[in-house]
N, C-alpha and C. Protein backbone atom coordinates (compact mmCIF):
# COMPACT_ATOMS: atom_id res chain seq x y z
N MET A 1 37.69 35.18 -42.28
CA MET A 1 37.57 33.76 -42.64
C MET A 1 37.70 32.89 -41.40
N ARG A 2 36.77 31.92 -41.26
CA ARG A 2 36.76 31.05 -40.10
C ARG A 2 37.90 30.03 -40.17
N SER A 3 38.37 29.62 -38.96
CA SER A 3 39.44 28.64 -38.90
C SER A 3 38.96 27.28 -39.42
N GLU A 4 39.88 26.55 -40.02
CA GLU A 4 39.56 25.21 -40.51
C GLU A 4 40.30 24.14 -39.71
N THR A 5 40.94 24.52 -38.61
CA THR A 5 41.61 23.55 -37.75
C THR A 5 40.59 22.59 -37.16
N PRO A 6 40.86 21.29 -37.18
CA PRO A 6 39.90 20.31 -36.64
C PRO A 6 39.55 20.62 -35.19
N ILE A 7 38.31 20.37 -34.82
CA ILE A 7 37.85 20.59 -33.46
C ILE A 7 37.06 19.36 -33.03
N SER A 8 37.10 19.05 -31.76
CA SER A 8 36.43 17.84 -31.26
C SER A 8 35.21 18.20 -30.43
N GLN A 9 34.39 17.19 -30.19
CA GLN A 9 33.23 17.38 -29.32
C GLN A 9 33.67 17.77 -27.92
N ARG A 10 34.74 17.17 -27.43
CA ARG A 10 35.24 17.50 -26.09
C ARG A 10 35.63 18.98 -25.99
N GLN A 11 36.26 19.51 -27.03
CA GLN A 11 36.62 20.92 -27.02
C GLN A 11 35.39 21.81 -26.91
N LEU A 12 34.33 21.44 -27.61
CA LEU A 12 33.09 22.21 -27.54
C LEU A 12 32.51 22.17 -26.14
N VAL A 13 32.57 21.00 -25.51
CA VAL A 13 32.05 20.86 -24.14
C VAL A 13 32.85 21.74 -23.18
N LEU A 14 34.17 21.73 -23.30
CA LEU A 14 35.00 22.54 -22.42
C LEU A 14 34.74 24.03 -22.61
N VAL A 15 34.54 24.44 -23.85
CA VAL A 15 34.21 25.84 -24.13
C VAL A 15 32.85 26.18 -23.52
N ALA A 16 31.89 25.28 -23.65
CA ALA A 16 30.55 25.51 -23.10
C ALA A 16 30.61 25.66 -21.58
N VAL A 17 31.38 24.81 -20.92
CA VAL A 17 31.53 24.90 -19.46
C VAL A 17 32.15 26.24 -19.08
N ASP A 18 33.13 26.67 -19.83
CA ASP A 18 33.79 27.95 -19.54
C ASP A 18 32.82 29.11 -19.70
N ILE A 19 31.97 29.06 -20.72
CA ILE A 19 30.97 30.11 -20.92
C ILE A 19 30.01 30.15 -19.74
N ILE A 20 29.54 28.99 -19.32
CA ILE A 20 28.61 28.92 -18.18
C ILE A 20 29.28 29.42 -16.91
N ASP A 21 30.52 29.01 -16.67
CA ASP A 21 31.24 29.45 -15.47
C ASP A 21 31.38 30.96 -15.42
N LYS A 22 31.65 31.57 -16.57
CA LYS A 22 31.92 33.01 -16.58
C LYS A 22 30.66 33.86 -16.69
N ASP A 23 29.70 33.39 -17.49
CA ASP A 23 28.55 34.26 -17.81
C ASP A 23 27.19 33.66 -17.48
N GLY A 24 27.14 32.42 -16.99
CA GLY A 24 25.87 31.81 -16.64
C GLY A 24 25.26 31.03 -17.78
N ILE A 25 24.29 30.19 -17.43
CA ILE A 25 23.66 29.32 -18.41
C ILE A 25 22.94 30.11 -19.49
N GLY A 26 22.45 31.30 -19.17
CA GLY A 26 21.74 32.11 -20.15
C GLY A 26 22.62 32.54 -21.31
N ALA A 27 23.93 32.54 -21.09
CA ALA A 27 24.86 32.97 -22.15
C ALA A 27 25.23 31.83 -23.09
N LEU A 28 24.81 30.61 -22.75
CA LEU A 28 25.19 29.47 -23.57
C LEU A 28 24.31 29.35 -24.81
N SER A 29 24.92 29.39 -25.95
CA SER A 29 24.20 29.20 -27.21
C SER A 29 25.19 28.64 -28.22
N MET A 30 24.66 28.06 -29.26
CA MET A 30 25.53 27.55 -30.31
C MET A 30 26.32 28.70 -30.95
N ARG A 31 25.69 29.85 -31.07
CA ARG A 31 26.38 31.02 -31.62
C ARG A 31 27.54 31.43 -30.74
N ALA A 32 27.33 31.45 -29.43
CA ALA A 32 28.40 31.86 -28.52
C ALA A 32 29.58 30.90 -28.61
N ILE A 33 29.29 29.62 -28.70
CA ILE A 33 30.36 28.63 -28.82
C ILE A 33 31.09 28.79 -30.15
N ALA A 34 30.34 28.96 -31.21
CA ALA A 34 30.95 29.13 -32.53
C ALA A 34 31.89 30.33 -32.55
N ASP A 35 31.48 31.41 -31.92
CA ASP A 35 32.33 32.60 -31.87
C ASP A 35 33.62 32.33 -31.09
N ARG A 36 33.49 31.55 -30.01
CA ARG A 36 34.66 31.27 -29.18
C ARG A 36 35.67 30.37 -29.90
N VAL A 37 35.17 29.46 -30.72
CA VAL A 37 36.09 28.53 -31.41
C VAL A 37 36.36 28.93 -32.85
N ASP A 38 35.83 30.10 -33.23
CA ASP A 38 36.07 30.64 -34.58
C ASP A 38 35.59 29.68 -35.67
N ARG A 39 34.31 29.29 -35.55
CA ARG A 39 33.69 28.40 -36.52
C ARG A 39 32.33 28.95 -36.93
N HIS A 40 31.83 28.48 -38.05
CA HIS A 40 30.45 28.75 -38.41
C HIS A 40 29.55 27.90 -37.52
N VAL A 41 28.41 28.44 -37.15
CA VAL A 41 27.49 27.70 -36.29
C VAL A 41 27.14 26.35 -36.90
N SER A 42 26.92 26.34 -38.20
CA SER A 42 26.51 25.10 -38.87
C SER A 42 27.53 23.98 -38.70
N SER A 43 28.81 24.33 -38.58
CA SER A 43 29.84 23.29 -38.46
C SER A 43 29.78 22.58 -37.10
N LEU A 44 29.19 23.24 -36.09
CA LEU A 44 29.12 22.63 -34.77
C LEU A 44 28.19 21.42 -34.76
N TYR A 45 27.23 21.43 -35.68
CA TYR A 45 26.26 20.34 -35.71
C TYR A 45 26.85 19.05 -36.25
N ASN A 46 28.10 19.09 -36.67
CA ASN A 46 28.80 17.85 -37.00
C ASN A 46 29.22 17.11 -35.73
N HIS A 47 29.17 17.81 -34.59
CA HIS A 47 29.63 17.23 -33.32
C HIS A 47 28.52 17.09 -32.29
N VAL A 48 27.56 17.99 -32.29
CA VAL A 48 26.43 17.91 -31.36
C VAL A 48 25.15 18.29 -32.11
N SER A 49 24.04 17.72 -31.66
CA SER A 49 22.78 17.97 -32.36
C SER A 49 22.17 19.32 -32.00
N GLY A 50 22.61 19.90 -30.87
CA GLY A 50 22.07 21.18 -30.46
C GLY A 50 22.36 21.46 -29.00
N ARG A 51 21.76 22.50 -28.48
CA ARG A 51 22.02 22.93 -27.10
C ARG A 51 21.62 21.86 -26.10
N GLY A 52 20.52 21.15 -26.37
CA GLY A 52 20.07 20.12 -25.44
C GLY A 52 21.09 19.01 -25.26
N GLU A 53 21.61 18.51 -26.37
CA GLU A 53 22.63 17.47 -26.27
C GLU A 53 23.89 18.02 -25.61
N LEU A 54 24.20 19.27 -25.88
CA LEU A 54 25.39 19.87 -25.30
C LEU A 54 25.29 19.90 -23.77
N ILE A 55 24.11 20.22 -23.24
CA ILE A 55 23.92 20.24 -21.79
C ILE A 55 24.07 18.84 -21.22
N ASP A 56 23.55 17.83 -21.93
CA ASP A 56 23.74 16.44 -21.49
C ASP A 56 25.22 16.09 -21.45
N LEU A 57 25.97 16.52 -22.45
CA LEU A 57 27.40 16.24 -22.50
C LEU A 57 28.15 16.98 -21.39
N ILE A 58 27.69 18.18 -21.06
CA ILE A 58 28.29 18.93 -19.95
C ILE A 58 28.08 18.17 -18.65
N ALA A 59 26.85 17.67 -18.45
CA ALA A 59 26.55 16.90 -17.24
C ALA A 59 27.46 15.69 -17.14
N GLU A 60 27.62 14.97 -18.25
CA GLU A 60 28.48 13.79 -18.24
C GLU A 60 29.93 14.16 -17.94
N HIS A 61 30.40 15.22 -18.54
CA HIS A 61 31.77 15.67 -18.31
C HIS A 61 32.01 16.00 -16.84
N VAL A 62 31.06 16.71 -16.24
CA VAL A 62 31.22 17.14 -14.85
C VAL A 62 31.10 15.95 -13.90
N VAL A 63 30.16 15.06 -14.16
CA VAL A 63 29.96 13.90 -13.29
C VAL A 63 31.22 13.04 -13.24
N ARG A 64 31.96 12.99 -14.33
CA ARG A 64 33.18 12.17 -14.35
C ARG A 64 34.23 12.67 -13.36
N SER A 65 34.09 13.89 -12.90
CA SER A 65 35.05 14.41 -11.92
C SER A 65 34.63 14.11 -10.48
N ILE A 66 33.45 13.52 -10.29
CA ILE A 66 33.00 13.14 -8.95
C ILE A 66 33.68 11.83 -8.55
N ASP A 67 34.30 11.83 -7.38
CA ASP A 67 35.10 10.69 -6.93
C ASP A 67 34.21 9.59 -6.35
N THR A 68 34.23 8.43 -6.98
CA THR A 68 33.48 7.27 -6.47
C THR A 68 34.42 6.16 -6.00
N SER A 69 35.72 6.43 -5.97
CA SER A 69 36.69 5.39 -5.64
C SER A 69 36.53 4.86 -4.22
N ALA A 70 35.97 5.68 -3.33
CA ALA A 70 35.81 5.25 -1.94
C ALA A 70 34.86 4.07 -1.81
N PHE A 71 33.98 3.90 -2.78
CA PHE A 71 33.03 2.79 -2.71
C PHE A 71 33.69 1.44 -2.99
N VAL A 72 34.95 1.47 -3.41
CA VAL A 72 35.64 0.21 -3.70
C VAL A 72 36.03 -0.52 -2.42
N ASP A 73 36.54 0.23 -1.41
CA ASP A 73 37.08 -0.46 -0.25
C ASP A 73 36.79 0.19 1.10
N LEU A 74 36.04 1.28 1.14
CA LEU A 74 35.74 1.91 2.42
C LEU A 74 34.38 1.48 2.93
N PRO A 75 34.16 1.53 4.27
CA PRO A 75 32.82 1.29 4.81
C PRO A 75 31.82 2.25 4.18
N TRP A 76 30.57 1.83 4.11
CA TRP A 76 29.58 2.60 3.35
C TRP A 76 29.44 4.04 3.82
N ASP A 77 29.51 4.28 5.16
CA ASP A 77 29.31 5.64 5.65
C ASP A 77 30.46 6.56 5.24
N ARG A 78 31.69 6.07 5.35
CA ARG A 78 32.84 6.88 4.95
C ARG A 78 32.85 7.10 3.43
N ALA A 79 32.42 6.09 2.71
CA ALA A 79 32.37 6.22 1.25
C ALA A 79 31.33 7.25 0.83
N MET A 80 30.17 7.23 1.49
CA MET A 80 29.12 8.19 1.15
C MET A 80 29.56 9.62 1.47
N VAL A 81 30.26 9.80 2.58
CA VAL A 81 30.75 11.13 2.94
C VAL A 81 31.77 11.62 1.93
N THR A 82 32.69 10.74 1.53
CA THR A 82 33.69 11.11 0.52
C THR A 82 33.03 11.48 -0.80
N TRP A 83 32.07 10.67 -1.21
CA TRP A 83 31.34 10.92 -2.46
C TRP A 83 30.58 12.24 -2.40
N ALA A 84 29.88 12.49 -1.30
CA ALA A 84 29.09 13.71 -1.17
C ALA A 84 29.98 14.96 -1.19
N ASN A 85 31.12 14.89 -0.53
CA ASN A 85 32.04 16.04 -0.54
C ASN A 85 32.60 16.29 -1.93
N SER A 86 32.91 15.21 -2.65
CA SER A 86 33.40 15.36 -4.02
C SER A 86 32.32 15.95 -4.91
N TYR A 87 31.09 15.50 -4.70
CA TYR A 87 29.95 16.02 -5.46
C TYR A 87 29.79 17.52 -5.22
N LEU A 88 29.87 17.94 -3.95
CA LEU A 88 29.74 19.36 -3.65
C LEU A 88 30.90 20.15 -4.24
N ASP A 89 32.09 19.56 -4.27
CA ASP A 89 33.25 20.25 -4.84
C ASP A 89 33.00 20.64 -6.31
N VAL A 90 32.23 19.82 -7.01
CA VAL A 90 31.88 20.14 -8.40
C VAL A 90 31.13 21.46 -8.46
N PHE A 91 30.20 21.65 -7.56
CA PHE A 91 29.41 22.88 -7.55
C PHE A 91 30.21 24.07 -7.04
N VAL A 92 31.16 23.82 -6.15
CA VAL A 92 32.05 24.90 -5.70
C VAL A 92 32.88 25.39 -6.89
N ALA A 93 33.33 24.45 -7.72
CA ALA A 93 34.13 24.81 -8.90
C ALA A 93 33.28 25.40 -10.02
N HIS A 94 32.02 24.97 -10.10
CA HIS A 94 31.14 25.41 -11.18
C HIS A 94 29.77 25.82 -10.61
N PRO A 95 29.71 26.91 -9.85
CA PRO A 95 28.45 27.28 -9.19
C PRO A 95 27.29 27.54 -10.14
N ASN A 96 27.58 27.94 -11.38
CA ASN A 96 26.48 28.21 -12.31
C ASN A 96 25.82 26.93 -12.82
N LEU A 97 26.40 25.77 -12.47
CA LEU A 97 25.78 24.50 -12.85
C LEU A 97 24.76 24.02 -11.83
N VAL A 98 24.67 24.70 -10.69
CA VAL A 98 23.79 24.25 -9.61
C VAL A 98 22.35 24.12 -10.08
N ARG A 99 21.93 25.03 -10.93
CA ARG A 99 20.52 25.03 -11.33
C ARG A 99 20.23 24.19 -12.57
N ILE A 100 21.27 23.60 -13.17
CA ILE A 100 21.00 22.78 -14.35
C ILE A 100 21.41 21.32 -14.17
N LEU A 101 22.47 21.06 -13.42
CA LEU A 101 22.92 19.69 -13.27
C LEU A 101 21.90 18.79 -12.58
N PRO A 102 21.25 19.26 -11.48
CA PRO A 102 20.25 18.39 -10.85
C PRO A 102 19.08 18.05 -11.77
N ALA A 103 18.80 18.91 -12.73
CA ALA A 103 17.66 18.67 -13.63
C ALA A 103 18.04 17.86 -14.87
N ALA A 104 19.34 17.62 -15.06
CA ALA A 104 19.77 16.88 -16.24
C ALA A 104 19.35 15.42 -16.12
N PRO A 105 18.78 14.82 -17.17
CA PRO A 105 18.37 13.41 -17.12
C PRO A 105 19.56 12.50 -16.83
N ALA A 106 19.35 11.52 -15.95
CA ALA A 106 20.43 10.59 -15.59
C ALA A 106 20.50 9.47 -16.62
N ARG A 107 20.99 9.80 -17.82
CA ARG A 107 21.03 8.80 -18.88
C ARG A 107 22.41 8.66 -19.51
N ASP A 108 23.34 9.52 -19.10
CA ASP A 108 24.69 9.40 -19.67
C ASP A 108 25.47 8.31 -18.95
N ARG A 109 26.48 7.81 -19.60
CA ARG A 109 27.27 6.69 -19.09
C ARG A 109 27.92 7.02 -17.74
N ALA A 110 28.46 8.22 -17.61
CA ALA A 110 29.17 8.59 -16.38
C ALA A 110 28.24 8.55 -15.17
N THR A 111 27.04 9.10 -15.32
CA THR A 111 26.09 9.13 -14.21
C THR A 111 25.64 7.72 -13.85
N LEU A 112 25.35 6.92 -14.86
CA LEU A 112 24.91 5.55 -14.60
C LEU A 112 26.03 4.74 -13.92
N GLU A 113 27.26 4.94 -14.32
CA GLU A 113 28.37 4.24 -13.69
C GLU A 113 28.56 4.71 -12.24
N MET A 114 28.33 5.99 -11.98
CA MET A 114 28.43 6.50 -10.62
C MET A 114 27.41 5.81 -9.72
N TYR A 115 26.16 5.72 -10.17
CA TYR A 115 25.14 5.06 -9.37
C TYR A 115 25.41 3.56 -9.23
N GLU A 116 25.94 2.95 -10.27
CA GLU A 116 26.27 1.52 -10.19
C GLU A 116 27.30 1.28 -9.09
N ALA A 117 28.32 2.13 -9.02
CA ALA A 117 29.36 1.98 -8.01
C ALA A 117 28.79 2.16 -6.61
N MET A 118 27.95 3.17 -6.44
CA MET A 118 27.41 3.46 -5.11
C MET A 118 26.42 2.40 -4.67
N LEU A 119 25.46 2.08 -5.52
CA LEU A 119 24.45 1.09 -5.15
C LEU A 119 25.08 -0.28 -4.93
N GLY A 120 26.02 -0.65 -5.79
CA GLY A 120 26.68 -1.94 -5.63
C GLY A 120 27.43 -2.04 -4.31
N SER A 121 28.09 -0.95 -3.91
CA SER A 121 28.82 -0.94 -2.65
C SER A 121 27.88 -1.07 -1.47
N LEU A 122 26.80 -0.31 -1.48
CA LEU A 122 25.85 -0.37 -0.37
C LEU A 122 25.23 -1.76 -0.25
N MET A 123 24.84 -2.32 -1.38
CA MET A 123 24.22 -3.65 -1.35
C MET A 123 25.24 -4.71 -0.92
N GLY A 124 26.50 -4.52 -1.28
CA GLY A 124 27.54 -5.45 -0.86
C GLY A 124 27.80 -5.39 0.63
N GLN A 125 27.34 -4.32 1.28
CA GLN A 125 27.52 -4.17 2.73
C GLN A 125 26.20 -4.32 3.48
N GLY A 126 25.25 -5.01 2.85
CA GLY A 126 24.05 -5.40 3.56
C GLY A 126 22.80 -4.58 3.32
N TRP A 127 22.89 -3.52 2.51
CA TRP A 127 21.71 -2.73 2.21
C TRP A 127 20.87 -3.48 1.16
N SER A 128 19.56 -3.35 1.27
CA SER A 128 18.71 -3.83 0.19
C SER A 128 18.75 -2.82 -0.95
N LEU A 129 18.32 -3.22 -2.13
CA LEU A 129 18.30 -2.27 -3.24
C LEU A 129 17.41 -1.08 -2.92
N ARG A 130 16.27 -1.32 -2.31
CA ARG A 130 15.36 -0.21 -1.97
C ARG A 130 16.02 0.76 -0.99
N GLU A 131 16.69 0.22 0.03
CA GLU A 131 17.39 1.08 0.99
C GLU A 131 18.50 1.87 0.30
N ALA A 132 19.23 1.20 -0.58
CA ALA A 132 20.35 1.85 -1.25
C ALA A 132 19.88 2.99 -2.15
N VAL A 133 18.79 2.75 -2.87
CA VAL A 133 18.24 3.81 -3.73
C VAL A 133 17.77 4.99 -2.89
N ALA A 134 17.06 4.69 -1.78
CA ALA A 134 16.57 5.76 -0.92
C ALA A 134 17.73 6.55 -0.31
N GLY A 135 18.76 5.84 0.17
CA GLY A 135 19.91 6.52 0.77
C GLY A 135 20.63 7.40 -0.24
N THR A 136 20.78 6.89 -1.46
CA THR A 136 21.43 7.67 -2.51
C THR A 136 20.65 8.94 -2.80
N ARG A 137 19.33 8.82 -2.91
CA ARG A 137 18.50 9.99 -3.22
C ARG A 137 18.55 11.01 -2.09
N ILE A 138 18.56 10.54 -0.85
CA ILE A 138 18.59 11.45 0.30
C ILE A 138 19.90 12.25 0.32
N VAL A 139 21.02 11.55 0.16
CA VAL A 139 22.31 12.24 0.20
C VAL A 139 22.45 13.18 -0.99
N GLU A 140 22.02 12.74 -2.16
CA GLU A 140 22.12 13.58 -3.34
C GLU A 140 21.26 14.84 -3.20
N ALA A 141 20.06 14.68 -2.64
CA ALA A 141 19.20 15.84 -2.41
C ALA A 141 19.85 16.81 -1.43
N PHE A 142 20.52 16.27 -0.42
CA PHE A 142 21.21 17.13 0.54
C PHE A 142 22.35 17.90 -0.13
N VAL A 143 23.08 17.23 -1.02
CA VAL A 143 24.15 17.90 -1.76
C VAL A 143 23.58 19.04 -2.61
N PHE A 144 22.49 18.76 -3.34
CA PHE A 144 21.88 19.78 -4.19
C PHE A 144 21.40 20.97 -3.36
N GLY A 145 20.75 20.68 -2.23
CA GLY A 145 20.26 21.76 -1.37
C GLY A 145 21.40 22.59 -0.81
N SER A 146 22.47 21.94 -0.41
CA SER A 146 23.63 22.66 0.11
C SER A 146 24.27 23.52 -0.96
N ALA A 147 24.32 23.00 -2.18
CA ALA A 147 24.89 23.77 -3.29
C ALA A 147 24.05 25.02 -3.57
N LEU A 148 22.72 24.86 -3.54
CA LEU A 148 21.84 26.02 -3.74
C LEU A 148 22.03 27.05 -2.63
N ASP A 149 22.21 26.56 -1.41
CA ASP A 149 22.45 27.47 -0.29
C ASP A 149 23.75 28.23 -0.49
N MET A 150 24.78 27.53 -0.97
CA MET A 150 26.06 28.16 -1.25
C MET A 150 25.90 29.28 -2.27
N VAL A 151 25.18 29.00 -3.36
CA VAL A 151 24.99 29.99 -4.41
C VAL A 151 24.17 31.17 -3.90
N SER A 152 23.16 30.89 -3.09
CA SER A 152 22.30 31.95 -2.56
C SER A 152 23.09 32.90 -1.67
N VAL A 153 23.98 32.33 -0.85
CA VAL A 153 24.81 33.16 0.02
C VAL A 153 25.75 34.03 -0.80
N GLN A 154 26.26 33.48 -1.89
CA GLN A 154 27.16 34.25 -2.76
C GLN A 154 26.41 35.36 -3.50
N ASP A 155 25.17 35.07 -3.88
CA ASP A 155 24.41 36.02 -4.68
C ASP A 155 23.76 37.12 -3.86
N ASN A 156 23.48 36.83 -2.60
CA ASN A 156 22.73 37.79 -1.78
C ASN A 156 23.44 38.03 -0.46
N ALA A 157 23.77 39.28 -0.20
CA ALA A 157 24.38 39.62 1.08
C ALA A 157 23.36 39.40 2.20
N LEU A 158 23.86 39.00 3.38
CA LEU A 158 22.96 38.79 4.52
C LEU A 158 22.26 40.10 4.87
N ILE A 159 21.01 40.00 5.26
CA ILE A 159 20.27 41.18 5.69
C ILE A 159 20.78 41.62 7.05
N SER A 160 20.53 42.85 7.39
CA SER A 160 20.93 43.36 8.70
C SER A 160 19.76 43.25 9.67
N PRO A 161 20.04 43.21 10.98
CA PRO A 161 18.96 43.06 11.96
C PRO A 161 17.87 44.14 11.85
N ASP A 162 18.27 45.37 11.46
CA ASP A 162 17.26 46.44 11.40
C ASP A 162 16.30 46.28 10.22
N GLN A 163 16.57 45.32 9.35
CA GLN A 163 15.64 45.05 8.26
C GLN A 163 14.58 44.02 8.65
N VAL A 164 14.74 43.44 9.83
CA VAL A 164 13.79 42.44 10.32
C VAL A 164 12.77 43.13 11.24
N PRO A 165 11.47 42.93 11.03
CA PRO A 165 10.46 43.57 11.88
C PRO A 165 10.66 43.24 13.36
N ASP A 166 10.36 44.20 14.24
CA ASP A 166 10.53 44.00 15.68
C ASP A 166 9.70 42.85 16.22
N GLU A 167 8.59 42.55 15.55
CA GLU A 167 7.74 41.46 16.05
C GLU A 167 8.32 40.08 15.72
N LEU A 168 9.51 40.05 15.13
CA LEU A 168 10.19 38.77 14.85
C LEU A 168 11.55 38.77 15.56
N PRO A 169 11.54 38.83 16.89
CA PRO A 169 12.79 38.99 17.64
C PRO A 169 13.76 37.82 17.51
N ILE A 170 13.24 36.62 17.34
CA ILE A 170 14.12 35.46 17.21
C ILE A 170 14.92 35.55 15.92
N VAL A 171 14.25 35.97 14.84
CA VAL A 171 14.94 36.12 13.56
C VAL A 171 15.98 37.24 13.66
N GLN A 172 15.62 38.33 14.37
CA GLN A 172 16.58 39.43 14.56
C GLN A 172 17.85 38.92 15.23
N ASP A 173 17.68 38.14 16.29
CA ASP A 173 18.84 37.61 17.00
C ASP A 173 19.64 36.66 16.12
N ALA A 174 18.94 35.86 15.32
CA ALA A 174 19.64 34.93 14.43
C ALA A 174 20.49 35.68 13.42
N VAL A 175 19.96 36.78 12.88
CA VAL A 175 20.71 37.59 11.92
C VAL A 175 21.92 38.21 12.59
N ARG A 176 21.74 38.70 13.82
CA ARG A 176 22.88 39.27 14.55
C ARG A 176 23.99 38.25 14.71
N GLN A 177 23.64 37.03 15.07
CA GLN A 177 24.64 35.99 15.24
C GLN A 177 25.31 35.65 13.91
N ALA A 178 24.53 35.65 12.84
CA ALA A 178 25.06 35.28 11.52
C ALA A 178 26.12 36.26 11.04
N ILE A 179 25.97 37.53 11.40
CA ILE A 179 26.93 38.55 10.94
C ILE A 179 27.98 38.88 11.99
N ASP A 180 27.86 38.29 13.18
CA ASP A 180 28.84 38.51 14.24
C ASP A 180 30.12 37.74 13.91
N PRO A 181 31.26 38.42 13.77
CA PRO A 181 32.50 37.72 13.38
C PRO A 181 32.92 36.64 14.36
N THR A 182 32.49 36.74 15.62
CA THR A 182 32.88 35.73 16.61
C THR A 182 32.08 34.44 16.45
N THR A 183 30.96 34.49 15.77
CA THR A 183 30.15 33.28 15.57
C THR A 183 29.94 32.95 14.10
N HIS A 184 30.56 33.74 13.22
CA HIS A 184 30.30 33.59 11.79
C HIS A 184 30.65 32.19 11.28
N ALA A 185 31.69 31.58 11.86
CA ALA A 185 32.11 30.26 11.40
C ALA A 185 31.00 29.23 11.55
N LEU A 186 30.12 29.43 12.53
CA LEU A 186 29.02 28.49 12.73
C LEU A 186 28.06 28.48 11.55
N PHE A 187 28.08 29.55 10.76
CA PHE A 187 27.14 29.68 9.65
C PHE A 187 27.82 29.40 8.30
N ASP A 188 29.08 29.01 8.34
CA ASP A 188 29.78 28.69 7.12
C ASP A 188 29.10 27.52 6.43
N PHE A 189 28.84 27.64 5.13
CA PHE A 189 28.04 26.62 4.45
C PHE A 189 28.74 25.27 4.45
N ARG A 190 30.07 25.25 4.38
CA ARG A 190 30.79 23.98 4.34
C ARG A 190 30.71 23.29 5.70
N ARG A 191 30.81 24.08 6.77
CA ARG A 191 30.69 23.48 8.09
C ARG A 191 29.28 22.96 8.31
N ALA A 192 28.31 23.72 7.86
CA ALA A 192 26.92 23.25 7.97
C ALA A 192 26.73 21.96 7.16
N PHE A 193 27.37 21.90 6.00
CA PHE A 193 27.29 20.70 5.16
C PHE A 193 27.87 19.50 5.90
N ASP A 194 29.04 19.67 6.51
CA ASP A 194 29.68 18.57 7.24
C ASP A 194 28.81 18.09 8.39
N ARG A 195 28.22 19.02 9.11
CA ARG A 195 27.36 18.63 10.23
C ARG A 195 26.11 17.91 9.74
N GLY A 196 25.52 18.42 8.70
CA GLY A 196 24.32 17.79 8.16
C GLY A 196 24.60 16.39 7.64
N LEU A 197 25.75 16.25 6.98
CA LEU A 197 26.12 14.94 6.43
C LEU A 197 26.38 13.95 7.55
N ALA A 198 27.03 14.40 8.62
CA ALA A 198 27.26 13.53 9.76
C ALA A 198 25.94 13.09 10.39
N ALA A 199 24.99 14.02 10.45
CA ALA A 199 23.68 13.69 11.00
C ALA A 199 22.96 12.65 10.13
N LEU A 200 23.09 12.78 8.82
CA LEU A 200 22.49 11.79 7.92
C LEU A 200 23.09 10.41 8.15
N MET A 201 24.40 10.34 8.32
CA MET A 201 25.04 9.04 8.53
C MET A 201 24.57 8.42 9.85
N LEU A 202 24.44 9.23 10.90
CA LEU A 202 23.92 8.73 12.17
C LEU A 202 22.50 8.21 12.00
N GLY A 203 21.71 8.94 11.22
CA GLY A 203 20.34 8.51 10.96
C GLY A 203 20.28 7.20 10.20
N PHE A 204 21.15 7.05 9.21
CA PHE A 204 21.19 5.79 8.45
C PHE A 204 21.58 4.63 9.37
N HIS A 205 22.57 4.86 10.23
CA HIS A 205 22.99 3.80 11.16
C HIS A 205 21.82 3.40 12.07
N ALA A 206 21.13 4.43 12.59
CA ALA A 206 20.02 4.15 13.51
C ALA A 206 18.91 3.39 12.80
N GLN A 207 18.59 3.76 11.59
CA GLN A 207 17.55 3.07 10.83
C GLN A 207 17.94 1.63 10.56
N ARG A 208 19.19 1.40 10.23
CA ARG A 208 19.62 0.05 9.92
C ARG A 208 19.62 -0.82 11.17
N LEU A 209 19.96 -0.24 12.32
CA LEU A 209 19.88 -0.99 13.57
C LEU A 209 18.44 -1.36 13.90
N SER A 210 17.52 -0.43 13.64
CA SER A 210 16.11 -0.69 13.96
C SER A 210 15.52 -1.74 13.04
N LEU A 211 16.10 -1.83 11.84
CA LEU A 211 15.61 -2.84 10.89
C LEU A 211 16.17 -4.24 11.21
N GLY A 212 17.13 -4.25 12.13
CA GLY A 212 17.69 -5.52 12.56
C GLY A 212 18.71 -6.08 11.64
């Protein structure tokens, strides 16, 4: 007999996130959630319309953990760096969301509030709306790409130099450096992320200076 203890939409979302974290997005189904919460599948539809809405709710839940407080009182470059690192932290905590969160429609309240905070801060510090939108998209794309790189490194062990054809000597040397413990830190995804983010901020500064 199934439990009759009341259950909330938030509980379903948390269970769904746990399923994705442990078994991947392919394991997420209304049946899987129902089994985890000891309910009939039909009863779940009192809280969500289906898997599609559930994924939207997961996106909203996760986005709420991204820190936008830096946009309140920090200079735009420091705020963007803080925001980007917090964004990446979400994917570090939930790597199986890397392939679904970027594709989720930006229509939930949490995501819209995040963009409102960021765009408002940039515009308050002299950016035009067009510049602010472009800067937001560039940094967000960099976060998504870095997250995919993180997942790829976790999923696939680095190849060895002897797997690279001799006619590609530069790639061979690059692989040797990547697996060399004395230089391995240079290839750490988080360090690469920090360097790339710093380069983006320098680029934004240079562009804004050129625009006068």
